[in-house]
Amino acid sequence: MAVYMVDSEQLQLTVTNTHASIGRVQAEVAALLGNLTALEGSWSGEAATAFQGLVQQWRATQAQVESSISAINGALGSASASYGTVEGDVRRLFSV
């Protein structure tokens, strides 16, 4: 038999805070990408091509990180809602 204790309000607070963090990270990533791509017009040659390839690699990695953290946040939100609903449902079973 499983035993657990969950603070669904704390879960929801974490969802809210994580969502805000995701927004800040996205803004920083956009600013960094803007700085990096600004070099494209003023830099050419093999080193510039290698640099652009590295930027593309970073973008792919960053997109994967963003997808993962969004999935974590979505799962936390679903867990918070589910635990809140289950607690209410069980409480109603004992209401007269």
N, C-alpha and C. Protein backbone atom coordinates (compact mmCIF):
# COMPACT_ATOMS: atom_id res chain seq x y z
N MET A 1 0.84 -1.17 0.00
CA MET A 1 0.00 0.00 0.00
C MET A 1 0.89 1.24 0.00
N ALA A 2 0.60 2.15 -0.86
CA ALA A 2 1.38 3.38 -0.97
C ALA A 2 0.94 4.38 0.09
N VAL A 3 1.91 5.04 0.68
CA VAL A 3 1.66 6.10 1.64
C VAL A 3 2.32 7.36 1.08
N TYR A 4 1.58 8.44 1.05
CA TYR A 4 2.17 9.68 0.57
C TYR A 4 1.55 10.88 1.25
N MET A 5 2.30 11.95 1.23
CA MET A 5 1.82 13.23 1.72
C MET A 5 2.22 14.26 0.67
N VAL A 6 1.28 15.06 0.27
CA VAL A 6 1.53 16.05 -0.78
C VAL A 6 0.94 17.38 -0.36
N ASP A 7 1.71 18.42 -0.54
CA ASP A 7 1.21 19.78 -0.33
C ASP A 7 0.89 20.33 -1.72
N SER A 8 -0.37 20.20 -2.14
CA SER A 8 -0.74 20.61 -3.50
C SER A 8 -0.56 22.11 -3.70
N GLU A 9 -0.69 22.89 -2.63
CA GLU A 9 -0.46 24.34 -2.76
C GLU A 9 1.02 24.62 -3.04
N GLN A 10 1.91 23.86 -2.39
CA GLN A 10 3.34 24.03 -2.66
C GLN A 10 3.67 23.61 -4.09
N LEU A 11 3.03 22.55 -4.55
CA LEU A 11 3.22 22.14 -5.95
C LEU A 11 2.79 23.26 -6.89
N GLN A 12 1.64 23.87 -6.62
CA GLN A 12 1.14 24.93 -7.49
C GLN A 12 2.05 26.15 -7.44
N LEU A 13 2.58 26.47 -6.26
CA LEU A 13 3.52 27.58 -6.14
C LEU A 13 4.78 27.30 -6.97
N THR A 14 5.23 26.06 -6.93
CA THR A 14 6.40 25.68 -7.73
C THR A 14 6.11 25.81 -9.22
N VAL A 15 4.90 25.43 -9.63
CA VAL A 15 4.50 25.59 -11.03
C VAL A 15 4.56 27.06 -11.43
N THR A 16 4.00 27.92 -10.60
CA THR A 16 3.99 29.36 -10.88
C THR A 16 5.41 29.91 -10.97
N ASN A 17 6.25 29.53 -9.99
CA ASN A 17 7.63 30.02 -9.98
C ASN A 17 8.44 29.49 -11.15
N THR A 18 8.22 28.22 -11.49
CA THR A 18 8.94 27.63 -12.62
C THR A 18 8.52 28.29 -13.93
N HIS A 19 7.23 28.56 -14.07
CA HIS A 19 6.74 29.25 -15.27
C HIS A 19 7.42 30.61 -15.41
N ALA A 20 7.54 31.34 -14.31
CA ALA A 20 8.21 32.64 -14.35
C ALA A 20 9.69 32.48 -14.71
N SER A 21 10.33 31.46 -14.17
CA SER A 21 11.74 31.20 -14.49
C SER A 21 11.91 30.87 -15.97
N ILE A 22 11.00 30.08 -16.51
CA ILE A 22 11.06 29.74 -17.93
C ILE A 22 10.99 31.01 -18.77
N GLY A 23 10.11 31.92 -18.41
CA GLY A 23 10.00 33.18 -19.14
C GLY A 23 11.29 33.99 -19.09
N ARG A 24 11.92 34.03 -17.91
CA ARG A 24 13.18 34.77 -17.79
C ARG A 24 14.28 34.11 -18.62
N VAL A 25 14.34 32.79 -18.58
CA VAL A 25 15.35 32.07 -19.37
C VAL A 25 15.12 32.33 -20.86
N GLN A 26 13.87 32.28 -21.31
CA GLN A 26 13.58 32.54 -22.72
C GLN A 26 14.01 33.94 -23.12
N ALA A 27 13.80 34.92 -22.26
CA ALA A 27 14.22 36.29 -22.56
C ALA A 27 15.74 36.38 -22.65
N GLU A 28 16.44 35.74 -21.73
CA GLU A 28 17.90 35.76 -21.76
C GLU A 28 18.45 35.04 -22.99
N VAL A 29 17.83 33.92 -23.33
CA VAL A 29 18.25 33.18 -24.52
C VAL A 29 18.05 34.03 -25.77
N ALA A 30 16.92 34.71 -25.86
CA ALA A 30 16.66 35.57 -27.02
C ALA A 30 17.70 36.68 -27.11
N ALA A 31 18.04 37.28 -25.97
CA ALA A 31 19.05 38.34 -25.97
C ALA A 31 20.42 37.80 -26.38
N LEU A 32 20.79 36.66 -25.84
CA LEU A 32 22.07 36.05 -26.19
C LEU A 32 22.11 35.69 -27.67
N LEU A 33 21.04 35.10 -28.16
CA LEU A 33 20.99 34.74 -29.57
C LEU A 33 21.10 35.97 -30.46
N GLY A 34 20.45 37.05 -30.05
CA GLY A 34 20.56 38.30 -30.80
C GLY A 34 22.00 38.79 -30.88
N ASN A 35 22.70 38.71 -29.75
CA ASN A 35 24.11 39.12 -29.73
C ASN A 35 24.96 38.22 -30.63
N LEU A 36 24.71 36.93 -30.57
CA LEU A 36 25.51 36.00 -31.35
C LEU A 36 25.25 36.13 -32.85
N THR A 37 23.99 36.26 -33.23
CA THR A 37 23.67 36.36 -34.65
C THR A 37 24.04 37.72 -35.24
N ALA A 38 24.22 38.72 -34.38
CA ALA A 38 24.65 40.03 -34.87
C ALA A 38 26.03 39.96 -35.52
N LEU A 39 26.80 38.97 -35.15
CA LEU A 39 28.13 38.81 -35.74
C LEU A 39 28.10 38.35 -37.19
N GLU A 40 27.00 37.73 -37.59
CA GLU A 40 26.93 37.14 -38.93
C GLU A 40 27.23 38.15 -40.03
N GLY A 41 26.78 39.37 -39.88
CA GLY A 41 26.99 40.38 -40.92
C GLY A 41 28.38 40.97 -40.93
N SER A 42 29.14 40.76 -39.86
CA SER A 42 30.46 41.39 -39.78
C SER A 42 31.61 40.40 -39.69
N TRP A 43 31.31 39.12 -39.91
CA TRP A 43 32.36 38.11 -39.77
C TRP A 43 32.16 37.05 -40.85
N SER A 44 33.22 36.76 -41.57
CA SER A 44 33.15 35.71 -42.59
C SER A 44 34.42 34.88 -42.54
N GLY A 45 34.38 33.78 -43.23
CA GLY A 45 35.54 32.90 -43.26
C GLY A 45 35.26 31.59 -42.53
N GLU A 46 36.29 30.75 -42.49
CA GLU A 46 36.14 29.43 -41.90
C GLU A 46 35.82 29.50 -40.41
N ALA A 47 36.47 30.40 -39.70
CA ALA A 47 36.21 30.52 -38.26
C ALA A 47 34.77 30.97 -38.02
N ALA A 48 34.29 31.89 -38.84
CA ALA A 48 32.91 32.36 -38.71
C ALA A 48 31.93 31.22 -38.99
N THR A 49 32.24 30.41 -39.99
CA THR A 49 31.38 29.27 -40.32
C THR A 49 31.36 28.27 -39.16
N ALA A 50 32.52 28.01 -38.58
CA ALA A 50 32.59 27.10 -37.43
C ALA A 50 31.81 27.67 -36.25
N PHE A 51 31.94 28.97 -36.04
CA PHE A 51 31.20 29.63 -34.96
C PHE A 51 29.70 29.50 -35.18
N GLN A 52 29.24 29.74 -36.39
CA GLN A 52 27.81 29.63 -36.69
C GLN A 52 27.30 28.21 -36.46
N GLY A 53 28.13 27.22 -36.80
CA GLY A 53 27.77 25.83 -36.55
C GLY A 53 27.63 25.55 -35.06
N LEU A 54 28.52 26.12 -34.28
CA LEU A 54 28.46 25.95 -32.83
C LEU A 54 27.23 26.64 -32.25
N VAL A 55 26.89 27.80 -32.78
CA VAL A 55 25.67 28.49 -32.33
C VAL A 55 24.44 27.63 -32.64
N GLN A 56 24.41 27.03 -33.82
CA GLN A 56 23.28 26.16 -34.17
C GLN A 56 23.20 24.95 -33.24
N GLN A 57 24.35 24.40 -32.89
CA GLN A 57 24.38 23.27 -31.95
C GLN A 57 23.84 23.71 -30.59
N TRP A 58 24.25 24.88 -30.14
CA TRP A 58 23.76 25.41 -28.87
C TRP A 58 22.25 25.63 -28.92
N ARG A 59 21.76 26.17 -30.03
CA ARG A 59 20.31 26.41 -30.17
C ARG A 59 19.53 25.10 -30.05
N ALA A 60 20.04 24.04 -30.66
CA ALA A 60 19.37 22.74 -30.58
C ALA A 60 19.35 22.22 -29.15
N THR A 61 20.48 22.35 -28.47
CA THR A 61 20.56 21.91 -27.07
C THR A 61 19.63 22.74 -26.20
N GLN A 62 19.63 24.03 -26.41
CA GLN A 62 18.79 24.92 -25.62
C GLN A 62 17.32 24.61 -25.85
N ALA A 63 16.95 24.31 -27.07
CA ALA A 63 15.55 23.96 -27.37
C ALA A 63 15.15 22.69 -26.64
N GLN A 64 16.07 21.74 -26.56
CA GLN A 64 15.79 20.50 -25.83
C GLN A 64 15.63 20.77 -24.34
N VAL A 65 16.49 21.61 -23.79
CA VAL A 65 16.39 21.97 -22.37
C VAL A 65 15.06 22.67 -22.11
N GLU A 66 14.69 23.60 -22.98
CA GLU A 66 13.43 24.33 -22.81
C GLU A 66 12.24 23.38 -22.88
N SER A 67 12.28 22.44 -23.80
CA SER A 67 11.21 21.45 -23.92
C SER A 67 11.11 20.60 -22.66
N SER A 68 12.26 20.19 -22.13
CA SER A 68 12.27 19.36 -20.93
C SER A 68 11.72 20.11 -19.72
N ILE A 69 12.15 21.33 -19.53
CA ILE A 69 11.67 22.08 -18.35
C ILE A 69 10.19 22.40 -18.49
N SER A 70 9.72 22.63 -19.71
CA SER A 70 8.28 22.85 -19.92
C SER A 70 7.49 21.58 -19.61
N ALA A 71 8.04 20.43 -19.98
CA ALA A 71 7.38 19.15 -19.67
C ALA A 71 7.33 18.92 -18.17
N ILE A 72 8.43 19.22 -17.48
CA ILE A 72 8.46 19.09 -16.02
C ILE A 72 7.40 19.99 -15.41
N ASN A 73 7.34 21.23 -15.86
CA ASN A 73 6.37 22.18 -15.30
C ASN A 73 4.94 21.73 -15.58
N GLY A 74 4.69 21.22 -16.78
CA GLY A 74 3.35 20.72 -17.11
C GLY A 74 2.96 19.55 -16.23
N ALA A 75 3.91 18.63 -15.99
CA ALA A 75 3.64 17.48 -15.13
C ALA A 75 3.38 17.92 -13.69
N LEU A 76 4.14 18.89 -13.21
CA LEU A 76 3.90 19.41 -11.86
C LEU A 76 2.51 20.04 -11.76
N GLY A 77 2.11 20.78 -12.79
CA GLY A 77 0.78 21.39 -12.79
C GLY A 77 -0.31 20.34 -12.77
N SER A 78 -0.15 19.29 -13.57
CA SER A 78 -1.13 18.21 -13.59
C SER A 78 -1.18 17.49 -12.25
N ALA A 79 -0.02 17.25 -11.66
CA ALA A 79 0.03 16.59 -10.35
C ALA A 79 -0.66 17.44 -9.30
N SER A 80 -0.40 18.73 -9.30
CA SER A 80 -1.04 19.62 -8.34
C SER A 80 -2.55 19.59 -8.47
N ALA A 81 -3.03 19.68 -9.69
CA ALA A 81 -4.48 19.65 -9.93
C ALA A 81 -5.07 18.31 -9.52
N SER A 82 -4.38 17.22 -9.86
CA SER A 82 -4.89 15.88 -9.53
C SER A 82 -4.95 15.66 -8.03
N TYR A 83 -3.89 16.01 -7.33
CA TYR A 83 -3.90 15.83 -5.88
C TYR A 83 -4.98 16.68 -5.23
N GLY A 84 -5.14 17.90 -5.70
CA GLY A 84 -6.19 18.76 -5.15
C GLY A 84 -7.57 18.18 -5.38
N THR A 85 -7.81 17.64 -6.55
CA THR A 85 -9.10 17.04 -6.89
C THR A 85 -9.35 15.78 -6.08
N VAL A 86 -8.35 14.91 -5.97
CA VAL A 86 -8.50 13.66 -5.24
C VAL A 86 -8.80 13.93 -3.77
N GLU A 87 -8.09 14.85 -3.18
CA GLU A 87 -8.34 15.18 -1.77
C GLU A 87 -9.78 15.64 -1.57
N GLY A 88 -10.24 16.50 -2.45
CA GLY A 88 -11.63 16.96 -2.37
C GLY A 88 -12.62 15.82 -2.55
N ASP A 89 -12.34 14.93 -3.50
CA ASP A 89 -13.23 13.79 -3.74
C ASP A 89 -13.30 12.88 -2.52
N VAL A 90 -12.16 12.58 -1.93
CA VAL A 90 -12.14 11.70 -0.76
C VAL A 90 -12.82 12.38 0.43
N ARG A 91 -12.59 13.65 0.61
CA ARG A 91 -13.24 14.39 1.70
C ARG A 91 -14.75 14.31 1.56
N ARG A 92 -15.25 14.45 0.33
CA ARG A 92 -16.70 14.39 0.11
C ARG A 92 -17.27 13.01 0.44
N LEU A 93 -16.48 11.96 0.32
CA LEU A 93 -16.94 10.62 0.68
C LEU A 93 -17.32 10.54 2.16
N PHE A 94 -16.69 11.35 2.97
CA PHE A 94 -16.94 11.31 4.41
C PHE A 94 -17.84 12.43 4.89
N SER A 95 -18.36 13.21 3.97
CA SER A 95 -19.27 14.29 4.34
C SER A 95 -20.68 13.74 4.49
N VAL A 96 -21.36 14.27 5.46
CA VAL A 96 -22.74 13.82 5.71
C VAL A 96 -23.70 14.77 5.04
